[in-house]
Amino acid sequence: MKNLIIVFLVFISALAQAQNSTLFEEANDAYANDDFETAIAKYEEILDNGETSAAVYYNLGNAHYKLNNVAPSIYYYEKALQLNPTDEDVQNNIEFARSMTIDEIPVNEETGFQKSVNQFISTFTYNTWAYLSIALSIIFVILFLFYYFSRKPIIKRSLFGAAVFVFLLGGISVFFAFHQQEIQFNNQFAIIFADEAEVKNEPSQRGDAAFNLHEGTKARVLEDYQGWVKIELSNGTQGWIKNENIKRL
């Protein structure tokens, strides 16, 4: 009975993958024929089926960009970058989409050594760093076994040095994995989806208005409170906005 259940689950999974592949091809065809609304509907159906990929998010961003949907295009490009932060096509297209936003907010950029380290760590996702650390651990074990069973002193020294070097690289990869995970999970962002949203000094309708934001602007989410969200812009400015005016990444 257990085997039948496993076979059934595998069959359902394969069927879902085939369906999503068909939807992806149909969406691509619709996009090629400038039927962007149909393409969006089919890409979103893939997401509703539980499949996420950088390609689907990227194509969704492109379709929304063609329809001048500023906030959705930036949102889906950002989602694609979460899965594939080194994709140059996504990086280029998101800059085009950002050029359509109204708010021009300067960025307080990091400087010096910390900036270089963070840029290097951000080259890969935390999953990639984790997989790399596992691979290096396996290589370390293999090198150590060769070292242990080797009889020649010169070879033993070489293998020992290589094993120590790989071990250190593995430790660094683990550190980078946790650091990237902390960045991704502790730094939650959102895109403003309202045409214009009022940001207040406190989480209340009676609070004083601090400034207004427009669709497509990206903000860091700091805190939630009774339907209000405290956000921080790239220049360090903070305020409270209604939760309904944003969509979290």
C-alpha atoms as a PDB file:
ATOM      1  CA  MET A   1       0.000   0.000   0.000  1.00  0.00           C
ATOM      2  CA  LYS A   2       2.841   2.359   0.920  1.00  0.00           C
ATOM      3  CA  ASN A   3       4.529   1.754  -2.434  1.00  0.00           C
ATOM      4  CA  LEU A   4       1.287   2.552  -4.259  1.00  0.00           C
ATOM      5  CA  ILE A   5       1.034   5.867  -2.420  1.00  0.00           C
ATOM      6  CA  ILE A   6       4.623   6.750  -3.365  1.00  0.00           C
ATOM      7  CA  VAL A   7       3.994   5.851  -7.013  1.00  0.00           C
ATOM      8  CA  PHE A   8       0.805   7.939  -6.980  1.00  0.00           C
ATOM      9  CA  LEU A   9       2.632  10.964  -5.518  1.00  0.00           C
ATOM     10  CA  VAL A  10       5.402  10.647  -8.099  1.00  0.00           C
ATOM     11  CA  PHE A  11       2.801  10.448 -10.862  1.00  0.00           C
ATOM     12  CA  ILE A  12       0.997  13.553  -9.566  1.00  0.00           C
ATOM     13  CA  SER A  13       4.297  15.432  -9.331  1.00  0.00           C
ATOM     14  CA  ALA A  14       5.262  14.477 -12.882  1.00  0.00           C
ATOM     15  CA  LEU A  15       1.813  15.456 -14.135  1.00  0.00           C
ATOM     16  CA  ALA A  16       2.074  18.872 -12.427  1.00  0.00           C
ATOM     17  CA  GLN A  17       5.510  19.470 -13.928  1.00  0.00           C
ATOM     18  CA  ALA A  18       4.240  18.576 -17.396  1.00  0.00           C
ATOM     19  CA  GLN A  19       1.275  20.910 -16.942  1.00  0.00           C
ATOM     20  CA  ASN A  20       3.539  23.751 -15.825  1.00  0.00           C
ATOM     21  CA  SER A  21       5.859  23.163 -18.791  1.00  0.00           C
ATOM     22  CA  THR A  22       2.881  23.413 -21.137  1.00  0.00           C
ATOM     23  CA  LEU A  23       1.678  26.583 -19.423  1.00  0.00           C
ATOM     24  CA  PHE A  24       5.161  28.090 -19.653  1.00  0.00           C
ATOM     25  CA  GLU A  25       5.322  27.428 -23.404  1.00  0.00           C
ATOM     26  CA  GLU A  26       1.814  28.837 -23.906  1.00  0.00           C
ATOM     27  CA  ALA A  27       2.714  31.927 -21.892  1.00  0.00           C
ATOM     28  CA  ASN A  28       5.885  32.429 -23.922  1.00  0.00           C
ATOM     29  CA  ASP A  29       3.887  32.128 -27.156  1.00  0.00           C
ATOM     30  CA  ALA A  30       1.360  34.684 -25.912  1.00  0.00           C
ATOM     31  CA  TYR A  31       4.192  37.041 -24.969  1.00  0.00           C
ATOM     32  CA  ALA A  32       5.780  36.629 -28.408  1.00  0.00           C
ATOM     33  CA  ASN A  33       2.427  37.577 -29.952  1.00  0.00           C
ATOM     34  CA  ASP A  34       2.173  40.699 -27.759  1.00  0.00           C
ATOM     35  CA  ASP A  35      -0.725  39.190 -25.806  1.00  0.00           C
ATOM     36  CA  PHE A  36       0.814  40.206 -22.503  1.00  0.00           C
ATOM     37  CA  GLU A  37      -2.319  39.859 -20.369  1.00  0.00           C
ATOM     38  CA  THR A  38      -2.743  36.224 -21.406  1.00  0.00           C
ATOM     39  CA  ALA A  39       0.955  35.628 -20.777  1.00  0.00           C
ATOM     40  CA  ILE A  40       0.625  37.104 -17.274  1.00  0.00           C
ATOM     41  CA  ALA A  41      -2.392  34.918 -16.495  1.00  0.00           C
ATOM     42  CA  LYS A  42      -0.556  31.751 -17.533  1.00  0.00           C
ATOM     43  CA  TYR A  43       2.672  32.647 -15.687  1.00  0.00           C
ATOM     44  CA  GLU A  44       0.619  33.359 -12.564  1.00  0.00           C
ATOM     45  CA  GLU A  45      -1.133  30.005 -12.972  1.00  0.00           C
ATOM     46  CA  ILE A  46       2.291  28.349 -12.816  1.00  0.00           C
ATOM     47  CA  LEU A  47       2.970  30.168  -9.541  1.00  0.00           C
ATOM     48  CA  ASP A  48      -0.456  29.138  -8.233  1.00  0.00           C
ATOM     49  CA  ASN A  49       0.515  25.533  -8.960  1.00  0.00           C
ATOM     50  CA  GLY A  50       3.356  25.903  -6.472  1.00  0.00           C
ATOM     51  CA  GLU A  51       6.278  26.215  -8.871  1.00  0.00           C
ATOM     52  CA  THR A  52       8.669  29.130  -8.514  1.00  0.00           C
ATOM     53  CA  SER A  53      11.591  29.901 -10.778  1.00  0.00           C
ATOM     54  CA  ALA A  54      13.660  32.898 -11.776  1.00  0.00           C
ATOM     55  CA  ALA A  55      12.537  32.428 -15.391  1.00  0.00           C
ATOM     56  CA  VAL A  56       8.831  32.659 -14.519  1.00  0.00           C
ATOM     57  CA  TYR A  57       9.357  35.742 -12.349  1.00  0.00           C
ATOM     58  CA  TYR A  58      11.564  37.349 -14.993  1.00  0.00           C
ATOM     59  CA  ASN A  59       9.015  36.774 -17.759  1.00  0.00           C
ATOM     60  CA  LEU A  60       6.230  38.090 -15.525  1.00  0.00           C
ATOM     61  CA  GLY A  61       8.281  41.208 -14.928  1.00  0.00           C
ATOM     62  CA  ASN A  62       8.801  41.634 -18.678  1.00  0.00           C
ATOM     63  CA  ALA A  63       5.088  41.221 -19.431  1.00  0.00           C
ATOM     64  CA  HIS A  64       4.084  43.766 -16.804  1.00  0.00           C
ATOM     65  CA  TYR A  65       6.789  46.143 -18.046  1.00  0.00           C
ATOM     66  CA  LYS A  66       5.331  45.956 -21.568  1.00  0.00           C
ATOM     67  CA  LEU A  67       1.959  46.991 -20.096  1.00  0.00           C
ATOM     68  CA  ASN A  68       3.584  49.827 -18.118  1.00  0.00           C
ATOM     69  CA  ASN A  69       2.606  48.184 -14.838  1.00  0.00           C
ATOM     70  CA  VAL A  70       5.401  49.749 -12.816  1.00  0.00           C
ATOM     71  CA  ALA A  71       4.970  48.135  -9.398  1.00  0.00           C
ATOM     72  CA  PRO A  72       4.307  44.553 -10.619  1.00  0.00           C
ATOM     73  CA  SER A  73       7.223  44.653 -13.061  1.00  0.00           C
ATOM     74  CA  ILE A  74       9.655  45.748 -10.345  1.00  0.00           C
ATOM     75  CA  TYR A  75       8.159  43.266  -7.878  1.00  0.00           C
ATOM     76  CA  TYR A  76       8.666  40.270 -10.153  1.00  0.00           C
ATOM     77  CA  TYR A  77      12.144  41.367 -11.220  1.00  0.00           C
ATOM     78  CA  GLU A  78      13.031  41.572  -7.535  1.00  0.00           C
ATOM     79  CA  LYS A  79      11.627  38.063  -7.012  1.00  0.00           C
ATOM     80  CA  ALA A  80      13.761  36.807  -9.907  1.00  0.00           C
ATOM     81  CA  LEU A  81      16.852  38.405  -8.362  1.00  0.00           C
ATOM     82  CA  GLN A  82      16.133  36.674  -5.056  1.00  0.00           C
ATOM     83  CA  LEU A  83      16.479  33.339  -6.837  1.00  0.00           C
ATOM     84  CA  ASN A  84      19.259  34.365  -9.217  1.00  0.00           C
ATOM     85  CA  PRO A  85      21.041  37.513  -7.963  1.00  0.00           C
ATOM     86  CA  THR A  86      23.739  37.372 -10.659  1.00  0.00           C
ATOM     87  CA  ASP A  87      21.401  37.357 -13.691  1.00  0.00           C
ATOM     88  CA  GLU A  88      22.511  40.316 -15.820  1.00  0.00           C
ATOM     89  CA  ASP A  89      19.307  40.384 -17.891  1.00  0.00           C
ATOM     90  CA  VAL A  90      17.195  40.806 -14.766  1.00  0.00           C
ATOM     91  CA  GLN A  91      19.591  43.416 -13.381  1.00  0.00           C
ATOM     92  CA  ASN A  92      19.396  45.422 -16.591  1.00  0.00           C
ATOM     93  CA  ASN A  93      15.626  45.191 -16.967  1.00  0.00           C
ATOM     94  CA  ILE A  94      14.891  46.160 -13.391  1.00  0.00           C
ATOM     95  CA  GLU A  95      16.841  49.367 -13.942  1.00  0.00           C
ATOM     96  CA  PHE A  96      14.588  50.191 -16.902  1.00  0.00           C
ATOM     97  CA  ALA A  97      11.532  49.517 -14.728  1.00  0.00           C
ATOM     98  CA  ARG A  98      12.876  51.653 -11.888  1.00  0.00           C
ATOM     99  CA  SER A  99      13.322  54.536 -14.310  1.00  0.00           C
ATOM    100  CA  MET A 100       9.514  54.682 -14.571  1.00  0.00           C
ATOM    101  CA  THR A 101       9.037  55.332 -10.845  1.00  0.00           C
ATOM    102  CA  ILE A 102       8.237  58.815  -9.557  1.00  0.00           C
ATOM    103  CA  ASP A 103      10.167  58.744  -6.280  1.00  0.00           C
ATOM    104  CA  GLU A 104      13.872  59.504  -6.597  1.00  0.00           C
ATOM    105  CA  ILE A 105      15.418  58.315  -3.360  1.00  0.00           C
ATOM    106  CA  PRO A 106      19.204  58.365  -2.939  1.00  0.00           C
ATOM    107  CA  VAL A 107      20.930  55.278  -1.615  1.00  0.00           C
ATOM    108  CA  ASN A 108      23.194  55.348   1.426  1.00  0.00           C
ATOM    109  CA  GLU A 109      25.808  53.006   0.026  1.00  0.00           C
ATOM    110  CA  GLU A 110      28.302  51.040   2.059  1.00  0.00           C
ATOM    111  CA  THR A 111      31.936  51.911   1.651  1.00  0.00           C
ATOM    112  CA  GLY A 112      35.261  50.225   2.145  1.00  0.00           C
ATOM    113  CA  PHE A 113      36.011  46.645   3.076  1.00  0.00           C
ATOM    114  CA  GLN A 114      32.518  45.794   4.388  1.00  0.00           C
ATOM    115  CA  LYS A 115      30.978  46.745   1.048  1.00  0.00           C
ATOM    116  CA  SER A 116      33.403  44.505  -0.853  1.00  0.00           C
ATOM    117  CA  VAL A 117      32.707  41.567   1.472  1.00  0.00           C
ATOM    118  CA  ASN A 118      28.913  41.953   1.250  1.00  0.00           C
ATOM    119  CA  GLN A 119      29.053  42.250  -2.538  1.00  0.00           C
ATOM    120  CA  PHE A 120      31.126  39.068  -2.746  1.00  0.00           C
ATOM    121  CA  ILE A 121      28.820  37.143  -0.394  1.00  0.00           C
ATOM    122  CA  SER A 122      25.777  38.318  -2.350  1.00  0.00           C
ATOM    123  CA  THR A 123      27.205  36.711  -5.484  1.00  0.00           C
ATOM    124  CA  PHE A 124      25.457  33.491  -4.405  1.00  0.00           C
ATOM    125  CA  THR A 125      22.330  32.675  -2.435  1.00  0.00           C
ATOM    126  CA  TYR A 126      22.687  31.128   1.011  1.00  0.00           C
ATOM    127  CA  ASN A 127      21.626  27.766  -0.480  1.00  0.00           C
ATOM    128  CA  THR A 128      24.489  27.905  -2.981  1.00  0.00           C
ATOM    129  CA  TRP A 129      26.995  28.697  -0.219  1.00  0.00           C
ATOM    130  CA  ALA A 130      25.571  25.810   1.810  1.00  0.00           C
ATOM    131  CA  TYR A 131      25.914  23.379  -1.116  1.00  0.00           C
ATOM    132  CA  LEU A 132      29.467  24.613  -1.678  1.00  0.00           C
ATOM    133  CA  SER A 133      30.351  23.974   1.966  1.00  0.00           C
ATOM    134  CA  ILE A 134      28.964  20.424   1.696  1.00  0.00           C
ATOM    135  CA  ALA A 135      31.002  19.766  -1.446  1.00  0.00           C
ATOM    136  CA  LEU A 136      34.142  21.090   0.232  1.00  0.00           C
ATOM    137  CA  SER A 137      33.456  18.872   3.261  1.00  0.00           C
ATOM    138  CA  ILE A 138      33.311  15.816   0.994  1.00  0.00           C
ATOM    139  CA  ILE A 139      36.559  16.849  -0.705  1.00  0.00           C
ATOM    140  CA  PHE A 140      38.149  17.315   2.716  1.00  0.00           C
ATOM    141  CA  VAL A 141      37.171  13.791   3.790  1.00  0.00           C
ATOM    142  CA  ILE A 142      38.576  12.323   0.566  1.00  0.00           C
ATOM    143  CA  LEU A 143      41.860  14.208   0.945  1.00  0.00           C
ATOM    144  CA  PHE A 144      42.135  13.192   4.583  1.00  0.00           C
ATOM    145  CA  LEU A 145      41.600   9.525   3.722  1.00  0.00           C
ATOM    146  CA  PHE A 146      44.301   9.697   1.062  1.00  0.00           C
ATOM    147  CA  TYR A 147      46.564  11.404   3.601  1.00  0.00           C
ATOM    148  CA  TYR A 148      45.840   8.756   6.235  1.00  0.00           C
ATOM    149  CA  PHE A 149      46.597   5.798   3.991  1.00  0.00           C
ATOM    150  CA  SER A 150      49.501   7.333   2.107  1.00  0.00           C
ATOM    151  CA  ARG A 151      52.993   6.049   2.931  1.00  0.00           C
ATOM    152  CA  LYS A 152      55.227   8.643   1.284  1.00  0.00           C
ATOM    153  CA  PRO A 153      56.068  11.623   3.567  1.00  0.00           C
ATOM    154  CA  ILE A 154      56.100  14.181   0.717  1.00  0.00           C
ATOM    155  CA  ILE A 155      52.669  13.105  -0.510  1.00  0.00           C
ATOM    156  CA  LYS A 156      51.333  13.032   3.064  1.00  0.00           C
ATOM    157  CA  ARG A 157      52.483  16.604   3.656  1.00  0.00           C
ATOM    158  CA  SER A 158      50.942  17.771   0.385  1.00  0.00           C
ATOM    159  CA  LEU A 159      47.643  16.022   1.102  1.00  0.00           C
ATOM    160  CA  PHE A 160      47.583  17.345   4.656  1.00  0.00           C
ATOM    161  CA  GLY A 161      48.132  20.914   3.442  1.00  0.00           C
ATOM    162  CA  ALA A 162      45.442  20.553   0.784  1.00  0.00           C
ATOM    163  CA  ALA A 163      43.020  19.058   3.327  1.00  0.00           C
ATOM    164  CA  VAL A 164      43.583  21.928   5.758  1.00  0.00           C
ATOM    165  CA  PHE A 165      43.114  24.468   2.957  1.00  0.00           C
ATOM    166  CA  VAL A 166      39.836  22.856   1.823  1.00  0.00           C
ATOM    167  CA  PHE A 167      38.675  22.629   5.443  1.00  0.00           C
ATOM    168  CA  LEU A 168      39.240  26.371   5.883  1.00  0.00           C
ATOM    169  CA  LEU A 169      37.383  27.115   2.633  1.00  0.00           C
ATOM    170  CA  GLY A 170      34.498  24.978   3.856  1.00  0.00           C
ATOM    171  CA  GLY A 171      34.378  26.901   7.133  1.00  0.00           C
ATOM    172  CA  ILE A 172      34.339  30.202   5.252  1.00  0.00           C
ATOM    173  CA  SER A 173      31.532  28.921   3.023  1.00  0.00           C
ATOM    174  CA  VAL A 174      29.474  27.983   6.086  1.00  0.00           C
ATOM    175  CA  PHE A 175      30.012  31.474   7.521  1.00  0.00           C
ATOM    176  CA  PHE A 176      28.990  33.072   4.226  1.00  0.00           C
ATOM    177  CA  ALA A 177      25.892  30.839   4.049  1.00  0.00           C
ATOM    178  CA  PHE A 178      24.704  31.932   7.503  1.00  0.00           C
ATOM    179  CA  HIS A 179      25.543  35.559   6.759  1.00  0.00           C
ATOM    180  CA  GLN A 180      23.589  35.511   3.492  1.00  0.00           C
ATOM    181  CA  GLN A 181      20.680  33.753   5.215  1.00  0.00           C
ATOM    182  CA  GLU A 182      20.662  36.466   7.882  1.00  0.00           C
ATOM    183  CA  ILE A 183      20.637  39.170   5.211  1.00  0.00           C
ATOM    184  CA  GLN A 184      17.784  37.521   3.335  1.00  0.00           C
ATOM    185  CA  PHE A 185      15.567  36.713   6.316  1.00  0.00           C
ATOM    186  CA  ASN A 186      16.290  39.675   8.574  1.00  0.00           C
ATOM    187  CA  ASN A 187      16.086  42.220   5.775  1.00  0.00           C
ATOM    188  CA  GLN A 188      12.556  41.919   4.456  1.00  0.00           C
ATOM    189  CA  PHE A 189      11.549  44.278   1.668  1.00  0.00           C
ATOM    190  CA  ALA A 190       8.331  45.351  -0.003  1.00  0.00           C
ATOM    191  CA  ILE A 191       7.240  47.231  -3.104  1.00  0.00           C
ATOM    192  CA  ILE A 192       4.721  50.071  -2.950  1.00  0.00           C
ATOM    193  CA  PHE A 193       1.698  48.971  -5.032  1.00  0.00           C
ATOM    194  CA  ALA A 194      -0.606  51.930  -4.426  1.00  0.00           C
ATOM    195  CA  ASP A 195      -0.535  54.718  -7.013  1.00  0.00           C
ATOM    196  CA  GLU A 196       0.180  57.078  -4.126  1.00  0.00           C
ATOM    197  CA  ALA A 197       0.467  56.184  -0.465  1.00  0.00           C
ATOM    198  CA  GLU A 198       0.730  58.438   2.553  1.00  0.00           C
ATOM    199  CA  VAL A 199       3.467  57.646   5.054  1.00  0.00           C
ATOM    200  CA  LYS A 200       2.845  58.795   8.623  1.00  0.00           C
ATOM    201  CA  ASN A 201       5.009  59.409  11.669  1.00  0.00           C
ATOM    202  CA  GLU A 202       3.027  56.931  13.753  1.00  0.00           C
ATOM    203  CA  PRO A 203       0.789  53.891  13.049  1.00  0.00           C
ATOM    204  CA  SER A 204      -2.500  55.757  13.205  1.00  0.00           C
ATOM    205  CA  GLN A 205      -4.830  57.639  10.898  1.00  0.00           C
ATOM    206  CA  ARG A 206      -4.510  60.548  13.311  1.00  0.00           C
ATOM    207  CA  GLY A 207      -0.757  60.622  12.881  1.00  0.00           C
ATOM    208  CA  ASP A 208       0.938  63.427  11.009  1.00  0.00           C
ATOM    209  CA  ALA A 209       1.763  62.800   7.360  1.00  0.00           C
ATOM    210  CA  ALA A 210       5.524  62.574   6.851  1.00  0.00           C
ATOM    211  CA  PHE A 211       5.701  62.138   3.076  1.00  0.00           C
ATOM    212  CA  ASN A 212       4.087  60.332   0.151  1.00  0.00           C
ATOM    213  CA  LEU A 213       5.384  57.378  -1.826  1.00  0.00           C
ATOM    214  CA  HIS A 214       4.360  56.156  -5.264  1.00  0.00           C
ATOM    215  CA  GLU A 215       4.101  52.795  -6.975  1.00  0.00           C
ATOM    216  CA  GLY A 216       7.271  50.846  -7.595  1.00  0.00           C
ATOM    217  CA  THR A 217       9.313  52.270  -4.721  1.00  0.00           C
ATOM    218  CA  LYS A 218      11.176  49.659  -2.696  1.00  0.00           C
ATOM    219  CA  ALA A 219      11.283  49.855   1.090  1.00  0.00           C
ATOM    220  CA  ARG A 220      12.648  47.735   3.899  1.00  0.00           C
ATOM    221  CA  VAL A 221      10.041  46.315   6.307  1.00  0.00           C
ATOM    222  CA  LEU A 222      10.957  46.952   9.935  1.00  0.00           C
ATOM    223  CA  GLU A 223       7.832  46.289  11.991  1.00  0.00           C
ATOM    224  CA  ASP A 224       4.135  45.381  11.841  1.00  0.00           C
ATOM    225  CA  TYR A 225       1.463  46.919  14.040  1.00  0.00           C
ATOM    226  CA  GLN A 226      -2.308  46.525  13.655  1.00  0.00           C
ATOM    227  CA  GLY A 227      -2.474  46.846   9.891  1.00  0.00           C
ATOM    228  CA  TRP A 228       0.399  49.324   9.709  1.00  0.00           C
ATOM    229  CA  VAL A 229       3.950  48.627   8.580  1.00  0.00           C
ATOM    230  CA  LYS A 230       7.025  50.570   9.591  1.00  0.00           C
ATOM    231  CA  ILE A 231       9.298  50.967   6.592  1.00  0.00           C
ATOM    232  CA  GLU A 232      12.739  52.360   5.891  1.00  0.00           C
ATOM    233  CA  LEU A 233      13.798  53.812   2.548  1.00  0.00           C
ATOM    234  CA  SER A 234      17.221  53.440   0.958  1.00  0.00           C
ATOM    235  CA  ASN A 235      18.236  56.862   2.309  1.00  0.00           C
ATOM    236  CA  GLY A 236      17.395  55.867   5.902  1.00  0.00           C
ATOM    237  CA  THR A 237      14.053  57.721   6.130  1.00  0.00           C
ATOM    238  CA  GLN A 238      11.444  55.829   8.165  1.00  0.00           C
ATOM    239  CA  GLY A 239       7.673  56.005   8.555  1.00  0.00           C
ATOM    240  CA  TRP A 240       4.434  54.033   8.858  1.00  0.00           C
ATOM    241  CA  ILE A 241       2.314  52.933   5.898  1.00  0.00           C
ATOM    242  CA  LYS A 242      -0.885  50.922   5.613  1.00  0.00           C
ATOM    243  CA  ASN A 243      -0.196  47.266   4.961  1.00  0.00           C
ATOM    244  CA  GLU A 244      -2.646  47.255   2.038  1.00  0.00           C
ATOM    245  CA  ASN A 245      -0.444  49.682   0.103  1.00  0.00           C
ATOM    246  CA  ILE A 246       2.547  47.352  -0.155  1.00  0.00           C
ATOM    247  CA  LYS A 247       3.393  43.888  -1.416  1.00  0.00           C
ATOM    248  CA  ARG A 248       6.150  42.028   0.369  1.00  0.00           C
ATOM    249  CA  LEU A 249       8.953  40.335  -1.465  1.00  0.00           C
END
